[in-house]
Amino acid sequence: MPETINNQNATQPQRSRAVFSNEDFELIRVAINYYLQEIKESPEGLKYSNLYHRLRRIE
C-alpha cells in the first residue's frame, strides 16, 4: 500500500517556478519600449506595441 501512495506522488506534476522576477519584467519593458521607438513605423511595430502594453499589466 505505501508503494502505491509514493507512486501517485511521483506522477503528479511539480509546481512550476517563476522564470522572471518583477525586476526582469521592468527591464524587458524598457528594452521593448526602446526598440519600439526604432521600429514604430514598421508592420511589426503594432505587435511590439501590444506586447509592451501586455507587459505593463504585469506587476
Protein backbone atom coordinates (compact mmCIF):
# COMPACT_ATOMS: atom_id res chain seq x y z
CA MET A 1 0.00 0.00 0.00
CA PRO A 2 2.71 2.61 0.82
CA GLU A 3 4.28 1.95 -2.59
CA THR A 4 1.04 2.98 -4.31
CA ILE A 5 0.96 6.30 -2.45
CA ASN A 6 4.60 7.01 -3.32
CA ASN A 7 3.99 6.22 -6.99
CA GLN A 8 0.97 8.55 -7.13
CA ASN A 9 3.00 11.43 -5.67
CA ALA A 10 5.81 10.80 -8.13
CA THR A 11 3.50 11.06 -11.15
CA GLN A 12 1.91 14.38 -10.15
CA PRO A 13 3.41 17.40 -11.90
CA GLN A 14 5.70 19.60 -9.87
CA ARG A 15 4.72 23.19 -9.22
CA SER A 16 6.50 25.36 -11.76
CA ARG A 17 8.80 28.10 -10.57
CA ALA A 18 8.67 31.66 -11.83
CA VAL A 19 11.08 32.27 -14.67
CA PHE A 20 11.13 36.08 -14.48
CA SER A 21 11.10 38.37 -11.47
CA ASN A 22 9.22 41.67 -11.32
CA GLU A 23 12.53 43.44 -11.88
CA ASP A 24 13.06 41.37 -15.05
CA PHE A 25 9.69 42.48 -16.41
CA GLU A 26 10.66 46.10 -15.88
CA LEU A 27 13.92 45.58 -17.79
CA ILE A 28 12.05 43.83 -20.62
CA ARG A 29 9.51 46.68 -20.79
CA VAL A 30 12.28 49.27 -21.05
CA ALA A 31 14.05 47.30 -23.77
CA ILE A 32 10.84 46.79 -25.77
CA ASN A 33 9.92 50.46 -25.41
CA TYR A 34 13.33 51.49 -26.73
CA TYR A 35 13.09 49.06 -29.66
CA LEU A 36 9.52 50.16 -30.33
CA GLN A 37 10.73 53.72 -30.90
CA GLU A 38 13.09 52.40 -33.57
CA ILE A 39 10.52 50.32 -35.47
CA LYS A 40 7.22 52.08 -34.76
CA GLU A 41 6.55 52.71 -38.46
CA SER A 42 7.16 49.09 -39.48
CA PRO A 43 4.46 46.40 -39.68
CA GLU A 44 5.92 44.69 -36.60
CA GLY A 45 5.56 47.89 -34.60
CA LEU A 46 1.96 47.04 -33.69
CA LYS A 47 3.00 43.62 -32.37
CA TYR A 48 5.66 45.14 -30.14
CA SER A 49 3.28 47.85 -29.01
CA ASN A 50 0.73 45.23 -27.96
CA LEU A 51 3.45 43.23 -26.18
CA TYR A 52 4.61 46.36 -24.35
CA HIS A 53 1.08 47.10 -23.14
CA ARG A 54 0.54 43.49 -22.02
CA LEU A 55 3.78 43.62 -20.02
CA ARG A 56 2.66 46.85 -18.35
CA ARG A 57 -0.28 44.95 -16.85
CA ILE A 58 2.09 42.56 -15.04
CA GLU A 59 3.09 43.96 -11.68
